Protein backbone atom coordinates (compact mmCIF):
# COMPACT_ATOMS: atom_id res chain seq x y z
CA UNK A 1 23.45 -16.78 8.40
CA UNK A 2 22.71 -13.89 10.77
CA UNK A 3 21.30 -10.77 9.12
CA UNK A 4 21.71 -7.07 9.89
CA UNK A 5 18.47 -5.11 9.58
CA UNK A 6 18.87 -1.33 9.31
CA UNK A 7 15.62 0.63 9.54
CA UNK A 8 14.84 4.32 9.25
CA UNK A 9 11.21 5.05 10.15
CA UNK A 10 10.34 8.64 9.18
CA UNK A 11 7.83 10.26 11.51
CA UNK A 12 8.21 7.73 14.31
CA UNK A 13 9.08 9.35 17.64
CA UNK A 14 10.92 8.00 20.65
CA UNK A 15 7.59 8.13 22.49
CA UNK A 16 6.04 5.88 19.81
CA UNK A 17 9.04 3.57 20.09
CA UNK A 18 8.83 3.36 23.90
CA UNK A 19 5.08 2.68 23.73
CA UNK A 20 5.61 -0.03 21.10
CA UNK A 21 8.45 -1.67 23.07
CA UNK A 22 6.22 -1.77 26.12
CA UNK A 23 3.21 -3.11 24.17
CA UNK A 24 5.18 -6.06 22.80
CA UNK A 25 7.06 -6.54 26.07
CA UNK A 26 10.38 -6.30 24.26
CA UNK A 27 12.40 -6.36 27.50
CA UNK A 28 10.86 -9.56 28.84
CA UNK A 29 9.96 -11.40 25.64
CA UNK A 30 12.06 -10.51 22.59
CA UNK A 31 10.66 -11.72 19.28
CA UNK A 32 11.90 -15.09 18.03
CA UNK A 33 15.10 -14.71 16.05
CA UNK A 34 16.11 -11.28 17.42
CA UNK A 35 19.75 -11.36 18.57
CA UNK A 36 20.66 -7.68 19.00
CA UNK A 37 18.72 -4.40 19.01
CA UNK A 38 19.65 -0.72 19.23
CA UNK A 39 17.43 2.31 18.54
CA UNK A 40 17.87 6.06 18.48
CA UNK A 41 16.31 9.21 17.11
CA UNK A 42 17.65 11.11 14.10
CA UNK A 43 16.47 14.29 12.40
CA UNK A 44 14.69 12.07 9.87
CA UNK A 45 12.96 9.75 12.32
CA UNK A 46 13.74 6.61 14.27
CA UNK A 47 16.83 4.55 13.37
CA UNK A 48 16.94 0.91 14.43
CA UNK A 49 19.79 -1.52 13.88
CA UNK A 50 19.06 -5.18 14.63
CA UNK A 51 20.75 -8.49 14.14
CA UNK A 52 18.31 -11.32 13.41
CA UNK A 53 18.92 -15.02 12.93
CA UNK A 54 17.40 -14.55 9.46
CA UNK A 55 15.64 -11.95 7.33
CA UNK A 56 12.54 -14.15 7.49
CA UNK A 57 12.46 -13.84 11.31
CA UNK A 58 12.32 -10.06 11.01
CA UNK A 59 9.69 -10.23 8.26
CA UNK A 60 7.45 -12.40 10.45
CA UNK A 61 7.81 -9.87 13.29
CA UNK A 62 7.13 -7.00 10.89
CA UNK A 63 3.98 -8.59 9.50
CA UNK A 64 2.56 -9.83 12.80
CA UNK A 65 3.58 -6.96 15.10
CA UNK A 66 5.04 -3.84 13.47
CA UNK A 67 2.44 -3.38 10.75
CA UNK A 68 -0.55 -3.46 13.15
CA UNK A 69 1.25 -1.08 15.54
CA UNK A 70 1.94 1.40 12.75
CA UNK A 71 -1.79 1.49 12.06
CA UNK A 72 -2.57 1.93 15.75
CA UNK A 73 -0.10 4.84 16.05
CA UNK A 74 -1.47 6.27 12.78
CA UNK A 75 1.98 6.54 11.24
CA UNK A 76 1.84 7.48 7.59
CA UNK A 77 4.11 5.36 5.48
CA UNK A 78 6.32 2.57 6.66
CA UNK A 79 9.98 2.22 7.47
CA UNK A 80 12.82 2.08 4.98
CA UNK A 81 14.54 -1.25 5.64
CA UNK A 82 17.85 -2.60 4.34
CA UNK A 83 19.33 -6.06 5.00
CA UNK A 84 22.82 -7.49 4.74
CA UNK A 85 24.55 -10.58 6.09
CA UNK A 86 26.61 -10.13 9.25
CA UNK A 87 30.28 -10.15 8.33
CA UNK A 88 31.69 -9.16 11.72
CA UNK A 89 30.47 -8.14 15.17
CA UNK A 90 32.77 -6.36 17.55
CA UNK A 91 31.45 -4.60 20.66
CA UNK A 92 34.33 -3.97 23.08
CA UNK A 93 32.39 -1.35 25.07
CA UNK A 94 28.97 -3.03 25.16
CA UNK A 95 28.89 -3.13 28.97
CA UNK A 96 29.26 0.67 29.15
CA UNK A 97 26.41 1.22 26.70
CA UNK A 98 24.07 -1.39 28.17
CA UNK A 99 23.20 0.82 31.13
CA UNK A 100 22.05 3.68 28.89
CA UNK A 101 18.58 2.25 28.13
CA UNK A 102 15.46 4.04 29.31
CA UNK A 103 14.02 2.79 32.61
CA UNK A 104 11.90 -0.29 32.08
CA UNK A 105 13.40 -0.85 28.65
CA UNK A 106 15.84 -3.56 27.58
CA UNK A 107 19.45 -2.89 28.46
């Protein structure tokens, strides 16, 4: 069953996010199991909402990729992550939003 992953990463900036996305080549080579990804800044830090094929797919990505990057960016503390099963997905305006990504980033 597909899983929603909601992450709030205090202290992570959009610059950190853009650097990380480029380092892992997110646009050209998404991690195995990632189906949907959206990110934005909040007053508390970086908010990411993903849909993964499974929670285990995200956890493999976290352990192999996110954890080492957090050390490299010297981020104190990790993200707050919550999971739930996908019940519904409805995105009637996805085409309008797809063009909003930063240059060189996934759209």
